[in-house]
Structure formats: structure tokens, C-alpha cells
Amino acid sequence: MSETLIESGAASLANAKKLQITVLGNREHEGQMCGRAFEILGVEPLFIDPSRPQFPTAPAPDVVLLSREWSVDLRHSAIEARRRGIPVVYVMDGVVEWAYLWQNWGFVKPEGTVLQPLIASDVCVIGQHPARILAALGLADKIHVVGLPRLDAIKRRRVVEHDQPQRLVVATAKTFGHNTGHKVYVRAALRDLKDWFEQHSELQPVWRIAPELAVELSVEPSLAGATTEVLETASGVVSFTSTVLLEAMLLGIPTAQIDYRAVPQYVQTAWEIRGAEHIEGVIQELLFPPPEKLALQEANLRDELELGDGSARLAEVIRRAAATPAVEGSIKTEARPITGQLDFRQIHSHLSSFAVSPMSRLQYELDATYRLWEGDRKRLHEAENTLADLRGQIHSLCQDRWFKFLRLLRAVPGFRKTGRLLSQLMAER
């Protein structure tokens, strides 16, 4: 088999056994994320509810796929698969964002951590730049640069309508903030943008933002249709950190990232709005982009998003994972060009103690198990209290004079069945 075929993920699978793939999630989300990967592999995956999943045993999965590990149920499921020697492939479907990774009090931190440590045997990232960021967390030996399979079918084209007003798309991520401070800054930036557009009526803003933010701003949100359909007719895009940045850049639209927070930007763009004073100049350049900025945008895009057939690359990762079942505690030695000669697990140990220390990994697994046990214990306690209340109500009912009267009628035809039921009720109180 040629190296070219291996790299493209288009290797012939005619002689390979039919893979059994289990996906923790649903077809609408995780299935879409994987693009054409399952079609390329010639398999129909089994999608199962990640909440207390029952892995099939006949046959057992060759590979388990998931799209996050920080939630307790998914983490515990990944642990169970690894304990059975089943490779677990973590498929990332979006950009790496500072608050999501480090300050996510919205939904991550109450349950776990992001990739620290990584339970999965492999992690698929969308580009070279995010791969370097995650390598610095000690994950270098598990990283595969795949791209975004769900964007494979997007055509790099724009629709220019000269007889229509110039449209600028303003977009937020579906979850527009991961902590209170983040949400405050997002709202402040949106208010400044609205004020600016009110002074420039010749431009048409398209608000691709969360409905609750649209209500606060008193604007009409544009949420219908696919994102690319909304973007392809835009003259420019102003977006908070999300995959919208990459989709707009992929279409060749001048794109600015807006973020008022004083935090590092894990996604690099040619244009940035870091305060209200930047809005005027940046939007003017989006409408009349300098060639050097467009060239920088293209370079940034190729660093943030691996172009080409992401589905084929993901299929190849799955195929290789299935061919080399993961053994708990093993370390793969396959060379990864993205890491150079450095082992980031050692030189960045201050950022990746979980990844370096087996004890931290064990503690993280124990935390998931304990949380599940604690939930079961709480539900059992609630059930016992409900049962005790029910017994108390039955006891009180048995003392009622009408109850006693009905029992006296148990020998009367037509009341015998009722009498038997009442006797059983008294016996079980």
C-alpha cells in the first residue's frame, strides 16, 4: 500500500474485516461531525446514548468514538472502553477557545476538565495550530490533524450581488459565553457594533447571534439556513471565537475576530476588534481589504484548518486505531511531524501534570466513578424517602373509618375483590 494512499485515508479496505464502530452520541450531531468517514470505511456505526451506555458484546466494538470527555457519563464510558482494550477516538469539532479550555464555569468545570488528562487513545484536531496548542498540554503522541469532515462539501466560492446593500454578518458561538465575565464582554461588544451600524445605515448587518442576545439588542436574528448559505453573500464577517471564523475564511470573505477580553487568542485572524475604537477601521478594511491582509488570512486559515478531505483522514485514524488495539498504559511511538523533536509532556509539565502523572489519570477516573455513585446514592435515598411517605399514607388510610367499613363488606358479593386488595394493602404497610 503506497504512502500516498495511507496519508489520504483512501486505502483499500477490501481485505479488511468489517469494523464495528460505536459512537457515543447521536447521528444528528456526532454523525454529522464525521462527514463521510463511515461511508469511506464501508460501515454503519452504532449510535448509543452516552448516559450509562451498554457496549455491545457480540461482537464488541473495534473502536469507540466520542466528541467530549469532560461530562461524567462520557468520561466513565471512555474509561470502560479503555479497560476492555478498545481504542477510543476523540473527535474535536471546533476551535480551541481560551475560556472554554481554562475558565469554563458554564458547563465544563462543574463536571471535569478539557483534555487534562485525556482518557481517549487518540484525539483528532482540526488544524496544525490547535495541534501545537494541545501538544503543549502533553498530548503530542495522541494527536492527529484531521480537519473538519463536516466542511468537506463546502465550495470555496462567494456570491457578489452588486445591486444589493453590502451585508456584514455578526456572529456568536451557540454558547456565547463560558463564564460571567465572558458574557459581559460579549454583550458590550454587540452593543458597540449595533451603535456603529445605526450610524451607517448604508450597510446591512445580519445578526447570526443567540436569540436571547437578539432580544436584549432589539434586533432580528438570522438563524434560518446553513451558516455557509448566510455567509456566502456577505461582504465581511465579524465573529466571536467560533468555527464561523473558519467557515468565512474558507469562503474567502474578509473576516474579523472580535473579543474585548484581555486573553490570548487561540484562533489567529488577519483582522481583530479588541475594543470599540477598532470597529470603524476594521470594518472599513473588511469592505476594502488590502491584499496583504487577505494573504495573511489565507495563511492563518491553512494553519487553523487542515484543508482537503477531512473525512478520509478521519477514516484512516479510525482504521489505524482498530488495527492496533489500545492497551491501557501503553505509549505510542509513531512520529508526529507537528511535534518536532520536543516532548511537550516533559518541557511543559507545569501545564500538564495530569497528562504526565499516571496517578492524576487514576484520580480523574475515580472522580467520574464517584460522581456516578453519588448520583445513584442520592436517587436511592430519594426513593427510600418516597417509599417511607407512601407507607405512612397507607398506615393512615388503614385507620380511616371508611376503610374499615369497606373491609367489613369483603364477604358481600361484588365487594370480594375490593376486600382482597384492601387486605393485601394492609399486609404490605
Protein backbone atom coordinates (compact mmCIF):
# COMPACT_ATOMS: atom_id res chain seq x y z
CA MET A 1 0.00 0.00 0.00
CA SER A 2 1.55 3.30 -1.04
CA GLU A 3 2.31 6.08 1.43
CA THR A 4 0.13 8.41 -0.64
CA LEU A 5 -2.87 6.20 -0.14
CA ILE A 6 -2.23 5.92 3.58
CA GLU A 7 -1.94 9.67 4.03
CA SER A 8 -5.12 10.38 2.09
CA GLY A 9 -7.08 7.81 4.03
CA ALA A 10 -8.31 6.32 0.78
CA ALA A 11 -6.57 2.98 1.29
CA SER A 12 -8.45 -0.05 0.02
CA LEU A 13 -10.42 -1.81 2.72
CA ALA A 14 -11.48 -4.74 0.57
CA ASN A 15 -9.38 -7.23 2.51
CA ALA A 16 -10.04 -5.72 5.92
CA LYS A 17 -12.60 -7.19 8.27
CA LYS A 18 -15.77 -5.18 8.70
CA LEU A 19 -15.20 -2.73 11.53
CA GLN A 20 -17.59 -2.49 14.45
CA ILE A 21 -17.75 1.19 15.39
CA THR A 22 -19.68 2.52 18.38
CA VAL A 23 -20.36 6.25 18.61
CA LEU A 24 -21.22 7.82 21.96
CA GLY A 25 -23.78 10.31 20.75
CA ASN A 26 -26.41 10.68 18.06
CA ARG A 27 -26.49 10.66 14.28
CA GLU A 28 -27.58 14.31 14.05
CA HIS A 29 -24.54 15.66 15.92
CA GLU A 30 -21.67 13.19 16.11
CA GLY A 31 -22.74 11.57 12.85
CA GLN A 32 -22.61 14.89 11.01
CA MET A 33 -19.24 15.72 12.56
CA CYS A 34 -17.67 12.65 10.99
CA GLY A 35 -18.62 13.65 7.44
CA ARG A 36 -18.16 10.74 5.01
CA ALA A 37 -15.77 8.77 7.24
CA PHE A 38 -18.16 5.87 7.84
CA GLU A 39 -19.08 5.73 4.16
CA ILE A 40 -15.37 5.52 3.26
CA LEU A 41 -14.90 2.71 5.78
CA GLY A 42 -17.98 0.92 4.47
CA VAL A 43 -19.55 0.56 7.91
CA GLU A 44 -22.78 1.52 9.62
CA PRO A 45 -21.85 2.72 13.14
CA LEU A 46 -23.90 2.02 16.23
CA PHE A 47 -25.00 5.25 17.93
CA ILE A 48 -25.73 4.82 21.62
CA ASP A 49 -26.86 7.13 24.39
CA PRO A 50 -23.73 8.12 26.32
CA SER A 51 -25.67 8.12 29.58
CA ARG A 52 -24.77 4.73 31.11
CA PRO A 53 -24.19 3.04 27.74
CA GLN A 54 -24.29 -0.70 27.31
CA PHE A 55 -21.49 -1.58 24.91
CA PRO A 56 -22.40 -4.48 22.61
CA THR A 57 -20.58 -7.73 23.33
CA ALA A 58 -21.34 -9.85 20.26
CA PRO A 59 -19.42 -8.51 18.53
CA ALA A 60 -17.61 -5.99 20.73
CA PRO A 61 -16.70 -2.59 19.20
CA ASP A 62 -13.35 -2.29 17.42
CA VAL A 63 -13.36 1.47 18.04
CA VAL A 64 -15.39 3.88 20.17
CA LEU A 65 -15.85 7.50 19.02
CA LEU A 66 -16.86 10.47 21.14
CA SER A 67 -16.82 14.25 20.89
CA ARG A 68 -16.13 15.22 24.50
CA GLU A 69 -14.86 13.64 27.72
CA TRP A 70 -15.43 16.24 30.40
CA SER A 71 -19.01 15.19 31.22
CA VAL A 72 -19.09 12.44 33.83
CA ASP A 73 -21.10 9.86 31.87
CA LEU A 74 -18.94 10.14 28.76
CA ARG A 75 -15.74 10.07 30.78
CA HIS A 76 -16.83 6.93 32.58
CA SER A 77 -17.83 5.34 29.26
CA ALA A 78 -14.40 6.12 27.79
CA ILE A 79 -12.77 4.57 30.85
CA GLU A 80 -14.87 1.42 30.46
CA ALA A 81 -13.88 1.09 26.79
CA ARG A 82 -10.18 1.55 27.53
CA ARG A 83 -10.38 -1.02 30.33
CA ARG A 84 -11.64 -3.51 27.73
CA GLY A 85 -8.76 -2.67 25.41
CA ILE A 86 -11.00 -0.82 22.94
CA PRO A 87 -9.41 2.23 21.27
CA VAL A 88 -11.27 5.48 21.93
CA VAL A 89 -11.05 8.22 19.31
CA TYR A 90 -11.89 11.75 20.47
CA VAL A 91 -13.11 13.84 17.50
CA MET A 92 -12.87 17.61 18.03
CA ASP A 93 -15.39 19.58 16.00
CA GLY A 94 -14.47 23.16 16.74
CA VAL A 95 -11.81 25.70 17.52
CA VAL A 96 -9.85 25.87 20.75
CA GLU A 97 -11.01 28.86 22.78
CA TRP A 98 -9.32 30.25 25.90
CA ALA A 99 -12.34 30.47 28.20
CA TYR A 100 -13.69 27.10 27.06
CA LEU A 101 -10.40 25.44 27.95
CA TRP A 102 -9.40 27.26 31.13
CA GLN A 103 -12.31 29.25 32.59
CA ASN A 104 -15.40 27.28 31.63
CA TRP A 105 -17.71 27.63 34.61
CA GLY A 106 -20.74 27.39 32.33
CA PHE A 107 -20.71 23.60 31.93
CA VAL A 108 -17.19 22.06 31.93
CA LYS A 109 -15.65 22.86 35.32
CA PRO A 110 -18.63 21.67 37.39
CA GLU A 111 -18.08 18.20 35.88
CA GLY A 112 -14.47 17.83 34.74
CA THR A 113 -11.62 19.25 32.69
CA VAL A 114 -10.86 19.62 28.99
CA LEU A 115 -8.35 17.01 27.79
CA GLN A 116 -6.46 17.06 31.13
CA PRO A 117 -5.91 14.18 31.29
CA LEU A 118 -7.05 12.62 28.03
CA ILE A 119 -8.79 9.28 28.54
CA ALA A 120 -9.07 8.54 24.80
CA SER A 121 -6.27 6.77 22.97
CA ASP A 122 -6.39 9.25 20.05
CA VAL A 123 -7.54 12.84 19.59
CA CYS A 124 -8.41 14.30 16.18
CA VAL A 125 -7.88 18.05 15.87
CA ILE A 126 -8.86 20.41 13.10
CA GLY A 127 -5.55 22.09 12.25
CA GLN A 128 -1.81 22.50 12.81
CA HIS A 129 -2.13 25.46 15.18
CA PRO A 130 -4.62 23.83 17.58
CA ALA A 131 -2.44 20.69 17.40
CA ARG A 132 0.54 22.70 18.71
CA ILE A 133 -1.59 24.18 21.49
CA LEU A 134 -2.77 20.75 22.64
CA ALA A 135 0.72 19.26 22.24
CA ALA A 136 1.84 21.76 24.88
CA LEU A 137 -0.61 20.08 27.27
CA GLY A 138 1.26 16.80 26.95
CA LEU A 139 -0.90 15.24 24.23
CA ALA A 140 1.63 15.21 21.38
CA ASP A 141 1.76 11.42 20.98
CA LYS A 142 -2.04 11.14 20.65
CA ILE A 143 -2.76 13.95 18.20
CA HIS A 144 -3.95 13.51 14.60
CA VAL A 145 -4.51 16.55 12.38
CA VAL A 146 -7.73 15.73 10.54
CA GLY A 147 -9.61 18.95 9.72
CA LEU A 148 -13.39 19.35 9.85
CA PRO A 149 -15.02 16.49 7.92
CA ARG A 150 -18.42 18.20 8.02
CA LEU A 151 -16.96 21.04 5.93
CA ASP A 152 -15.62 18.78 3.17
CA ALA A 153 -18.51 19.54 0.84
CA ILE A 154 -18.22 23.33 1.14
CA LYS A 155 -17.26 25.00 -2.13
CA ARG A 156 -14.83 27.90 -1.82
CA ARG A 157 -16.97 30.48 -3.54
CA ARG A 158 -18.66 33.81 -2.87
CA VAL A 159 -21.84 35.30 -4.27
CA VAL A 160 -21.48 39.04 -5.01
CA GLU A 161 -24.72 40.92 -5.59
CA HIS A 162 -23.78 44.38 -6.88
CA ASP A 163 -27.35 45.71 -6.79
CA GLN A 164 -27.81 44.84 -3.10
CA PRO A 165 -26.58 46.69 0.03
CA GLN A 166 -23.32 45.41 1.43
CA ARG A 167 -24.03 42.85 4.15
CA LEU A 168 -21.90 42.28 7.23
CA VAL A 169 -22.55 39.14 9.23
CA VAL A 170 -22.15 39.44 13.02
CA ALA A 171 -21.93 36.03 14.67
CA THR A 172 -21.53 34.47 18.09
CA ALA A 173 -20.94 30.86 19.04
CA LYS A 174 -24.01 28.83 20.05
CA THR A 175 -22.75 29.09 23.62
CA PHE A 176 -21.76 32.75 23.58
CA GLY A 177 -20.01 32.80 26.96
CA HIS A 178 -18.36 30.29 29.30
CA ASN A 179 -18.35 32.41 32.45
CA THR A 180 -19.93 35.63 33.70
CA GLY A 181 -17.07 37.89 32.60
CA HIS A 182 -17.04 36.39 29.12
CA LYS A 183 -20.77 37.04 28.68
CA VAL A 184 -20.43 40.64 29.90
CA TYR A 185 -17.76 41.38 27.29
CA VAL A 186 -19.77 39.74 24.51
CA ARG A 187 -22.80 41.89 25.34
CA ALA A 188 -20.66 45.05 25.48
CA ALA A 189 -19.12 44.33 22.07
CA LEU A 190 -22.51 43.63 20.48
CA ARG A 191 -23.94 46.90 21.83
CA ASP A 192 -20.99 48.82 20.35
CA LEU A 193 -21.48 47.10 16.99
CA LYS A 194 -25.19 47.92 16.99
CA ASP A 195 -24.46 51.57 17.78
CA TRP A 196 -21.95 51.69 14.92
CA PHE A 197 -24.38 50.17 12.41
CA GLU A 198 -27.09 52.65 13.43
CA GLN A 199 -24.71 55.40 12.29
CA HIS A 200 -24.00 53.61 8.98
CA SER A 201 -27.40 52.84 7.51
CA GLU A 202 -25.88 52.15 4.09
CA LEU A 203 -24.69 48.79 5.46
CA GLN A 204 -26.94 45.86 6.32
CA PRO A 205 -25.97 43.89 9.44
CA VAL A 206 -27.01 40.24 9.62
CA TRP A 207 -27.22 39.17 13.26
CA ARG A 208 -26.29 35.48 13.50
CA ILE A 209 -26.42 35.57 17.28
CA ALA A 210 -28.09 33.77 20.18
CA PRO A 211 -31.85 34.57 20.42
CA GLU A 212 -31.55 35.92 23.97
CA LEU A 213 -28.88 38.39 22.82
CA ALA A 214 -31.06 39.46 19.90
CA VAL A 215 -33.91 40.22 22.31
CA GLU A 216 -31.60 42.30 24.51
CA LEU A 217 -30.34 44.27 21.50
CA SER A 218 -33.81 44.60 19.94
CA VAL A 219 -32.56 43.20 16.62
CA GLU A 220 -33.93 40.47 14.37
CA PRO A 221 -31.68 37.39 14.48
CA SER A 222 -30.95 35.50 11.26
CA LEU A 223 -30.84 31.86 12.34
CA ALA A 224 -32.53 30.14 9.40
CA GLY A 225 -30.49 28.16 6.88
CA ALA A 226 -26.99 26.74 6.95
CA THR A 227 -24.18 29.02 8.09
CA THR A 228 -22.43 28.86 4.72
CA GLU A 229 -25.63 29.97 2.94
CA VAL A 230 -25.72 33.07 5.14
CA LEU A 231 -22.00 33.76 4.76
CA GLU A 232 -21.51 33.36 1.02
CA THR A 233 -23.36 36.59 0.17
CA ALA A 234 -21.63 38.64 2.87
CA SER A 235 -19.16 41.44 2.19
CA GLY A 236 -17.47 40.80 5.52
CA VAL A 237 -17.82 38.88 8.77
CA VAL A 238 -17.34 39.95 12.38
CA SER A 239 -17.45 36.92 14.67
CA PHE A 240 -16.62 35.98 18.20
CA THR A 241 -14.38 32.94 18.53
CA SER A 242 -16.14 30.02 16.82
CA THR A 243 -15.95 27.87 13.70
CA VAL A 244 -17.82 30.65 11.89
CA LEU A 245 -14.41 32.34 11.60
CA LEU A 246 -13.02 29.37 9.72
CA GLU A 247 -16.09 28.90 7.52
CA ALA A 248 -15.99 32.57 6.49
CA MET A 249 -12.25 32.45 5.81
CA LEU A 250 -12.75 29.24 3.83
CA LEU A 251 -15.18 31.11 1.58
CA GLY A 252 -12.63 33.90 1.10
CA ILE A 253 -14.66 36.51 3.00
CA PRO A 254 -12.66 39.17 4.90
CA THR A 255 -13.15 38.09 8.49
CA ALA A 256 -12.52 39.83 11.81
CA GLN A 257 -12.44 38.21 15.23
CA ILE A 258 -13.99 40.36 17.96
CA ASP A 259 -13.06 39.88 21.60
CA TYR A 260 -12.87 42.60 24.24
CA ARG A 261 -11.23 40.34 26.84
CA ALA A 262 -7.53 40.57 27.63
CA VAL A 263 -6.92 36.89 26.92
CA PRO A 264 -4.76 35.06 24.35
CA GLN A 265 -6.40 34.29 21.02
CA TYR A 266 -6.11 30.61 20.18
CA VAL A 267 -7.50 31.34 16.70
CA GLN A 268 -5.41 33.69 14.57
CA THR A 269 -7.16 36.08 12.15
CA ALA A 270 -5.87 38.88 9.93
CA TRP A 271 -8.33 41.36 11.48
CA GLU A 272 -9.12 41.79 15.19
CA ILE A 273 -11.50 44.04 17.10
CA ARG A 274 -10.32 44.27 20.71
CA GLY A 275 -12.23 47.43 21.64
CA ALA A 276 -14.87 49.88 20.38
CA GLU A 277 -12.17 52.13 18.90
CA HIS A 278 -11.22 49.35 16.44
CA ILE A 279 -14.68 48.92 14.89
CA GLU A 280 -14.54 51.77 12.37
CA GLY A 281 -11.12 50.98 10.93
CA VAL A 282 -11.53 47.21 10.84
CA ILE A 283 -14.92 47.25 9.12
CA GLN A 284 -13.63 49.69 6.52
CA GLU A 285 -10.82 47.23 5.75
CA LEU A 286 -13.25 44.32 5.58
CA LEU A 287 -15.17 46.19 2.89
CA PHE A 288 -12.00 47.21 1.04
CA PRO A 289 -9.44 44.58 2.09
CA PRO A 290 -5.71 45.23 1.50
CA PRO A 291 -4.10 42.37 -0.47
CA GLU A 292 -1.52 41.75 2.25
CA LYS A 293 -4.27 41.20 4.82
CA LEU A 294 -6.07 38.76 2.52
CA ALA A 295 -2.80 36.85 2.05
CA LEU A 296 -2.34 36.71 5.84
CA GLN A 297 -5.91 35.49 6.26
CA GLU A 298 -5.27 32.62 3.84
CA ALA A 299 -2.07 31.70 5.68
CA ASN A 300 -3.90 31.76 9.02
CA LEU A 301 -6.68 29.60 7.61
CA ARG A 302 -4.24 26.93 6.48
CA ASP A 303 -2.71 26.87 9.97
CA GLU A 304 -6.05 26.77 11.80
CA LEU A 305 -7.86 24.31 9.50
CA GLU A 306 -6.39 21.37 7.62
CA LEU A 307 -7.82 21.66 4.12
CA GLY A 308 -8.65 18.74 1.85
CA ASP A 309 -10.52 15.53 2.59
CA GLY A 310 -11.06 15.53 6.35
CA SER A 311 -13.43 12.56 6.10
CA ALA A 312 -10.72 10.40 4.53
CA ARG A 313 -8.19 11.42 7.17
CA LEU A 314 -10.64 10.61 9.97
CA ALA A 315 -11.42 7.25 8.37
CA GLU A 316 -7.69 6.47 8.32
CA VAL A 317 -7.34 7.35 12.02
CA ILE A 318 -10.23 5.02 12.85
CA ARG A 319 -8.78 2.25 10.68
CA ARG A 320 -5.34 2.52 12.28
CA ALA A 321 -6.80 2.66 15.79
CA ALA A 322 -8.77 -0.52 15.13
CA ALA A 323 -5.68 -2.24 13.71
CA THR A 324 -3.66 -1.51 16.87
CA PRO A 325 -5.99 -2.00 19.87
CA ALA A 326 -5.11 0.33 22.71
CA VAL A 327 -3.61 -1.27 25.79
CA GLU A 328 -4.11 0.68 28.96
CA GLY A 329 -0.91 2.44 29.96
CA SER A 330 0.80 1.95 26.60
CA ILE A 331 2.58 4.82 24.86
CA LYS A 332 2.53 5.03 21.07
CA THR A 333 5.87 5.88 19.49
CA GLU A 334 4.69 6.83 15.98
CA ALA A 335 6.45 10.01 14.85
CA ARG A 336 4.26 13.08 14.50
CA PRO A 337 5.70 15.87 12.31
CA ILE A 338 3.76 18.52 14.21
CA THR A 339 5.79 17.99 17.38
CA GLY A 340 9.32 18.41 16.00
CA GLN A 341 11.98 16.96 18.30
CA LEU A 342 10.33 18.10 21.54
CA ASP A 343 8.36 16.06 24.01
CA PHE A 344 5.91 18.64 25.31
CA ARG A 345 4.83 16.35 28.14
CA GLN A 346 8.21 16.92 29.75
CA ILE A 347 9.07 20.53 28.96
CA HIS A 348 5.56 21.79 29.79
CA SER A 349 4.91 19.65 32.84
CA HIS A 350 3.68 22.73 34.73
CA LEU A 351 0.69 22.76 32.32
CA SER A 352 0.16 19.04 32.02
CA SER A 353 0.65 17.34 35.36
CA PHE A 354 -2.44 15.25 34.70
CA ALA A 355 -1.06 14.06 31.36
CA VAL A 356 2.35 13.24 32.84
CA SER A 357 1.28 11.62 36.08
CA PRO A 358 -0.47 8.21 35.95
CA MET A 359 -1.77 8.92 39.47
CA SER A 360 -3.59 12.04 38.23
CA ARG A 361 -5.18 9.99 35.47
CA LEU A 362 -6.36 7.44 38.03
CA GLN A 363 -7.75 10.22 40.23
CA TYR A 364 -9.67 11.64 37.26
CA GLU A 365 -11.16 8.23 36.50
CA LEU A 366 -12.01 7.77 40.18
CA ASP A 367 -13.75 11.16 40.21
CA ALA A 368 -16.08 10.06 37.38
CA THR A 369 -16.90 6.80 39.14
CA TYR A 370 -17.52 8.57 42.46
CA ARG A 371 -19.82 11.15 40.86
CA LEU A 372 -21.91 8.41 39.24
CA TRP A 373 -22.07 6.53 42.55
CA GLU A 374 -23.05 9.71 44.38
CA GLY A 375 -25.87 10.29 41.88
CA ASP A 376 -27.14 6.73 42.38
CA ARG A 377 -26.95 7.11 46.15
CA LYS A 378 -28.94 10.34 46.02
CA ARG A 379 -31.62 8.79 43.80
CA LEU A 380 -31.82 5.73 46.11
CA HIS A 381 -32.20 7.99 49.16
CA GLU A 382 -35.00 9.91 47.43
CA ALA A 383 -36.71 6.64 46.51
CA GLU A 384 -36.48 5.41 50.12
CA ASN A 385 -38.00 8.66 51.38
CA THR A 386 -40.82 8.38 48.85
CA LEU A 387 -41.46 4.78 49.91
CA ALA A 388 -41.49 5.77 53.59
CA ASP A 389 -44.00 8.54 52.85
CA LEU A 390 -46.18 6.10 50.94
CA ARG A 391 -46.13 3.59 53.80
CA GLY A 392 -47.11 6.37 56.19
CA GLN A 393 -50.03 7.34 53.98
CA ILE A 394 -51.14 3.68 53.76
CA HIS A 395 -50.97 3.34 57.54
CA SER A 396 -53.06 6.49 57.95
CA LEU A 397 -55.54 5.24 55.39
CA CYS A 398 -55.93 1.92 57.21
CA GLN A 399 -57.06 3.81 60.31
CA ASP A 400 -59.80 5.62 58.41
CA ARG A 401 -63.32 4.51 59.36
CA TRP A 402 -64.42 4.29 55.73
CA PHE A 403 -61.52 1.96 55.01
CA LYS A 404 -62.59 -0.26 57.91
CA PHE A 405 -66.19 -0.18 56.70
CA LEU A 406 -65.15 -1.33 53.22
CA ARG A 407 -63.22 -4.23 54.76
CA LEU A 408 -66.39 -5.31 56.61
CA LEU A 409 -68.08 -5.64 53.23
CA ARG A 410 -65.46 -8.03 51.84
CA ALA A 411 -67.80 -11.02 52.22
CA VAL A 412 -70.60 -9.29 50.29
CA PRO A 413 -70.82 -10.30 46.60
CA GLY A 414 -69.40 -7.55 44.42
CA PHE A 415 -67.01 -6.39 47.17
CA ARG A 416 -64.86 -9.53 47.47
CA LYS A 417 -62.19 -8.40 45.00
CA THR A 418 -62.02 -4.99 46.68
CA GLY A 419 -61.74 -6.71 50.03
CA ARG A 420 -58.81 -8.86 48.87
CA LEU A 421 -56.97 -5.81 47.57
CA LEU A 422 -57.52 -3.94 50.85
CA SER A 423 -56.20 -6.93 52.81
CA GLN A 424 -53.05 -7.01 50.64
CA LEU A 425 -52.60 -3.28 51.19
CA MET A 426 -52.74 -3.74 54.97
CA ALA A 427 -50.28 -6.63 54.81
CA GLU A 428 -47.70 -4.55 52.93
CA ARG A 429 -47.90 -1.40 55.01
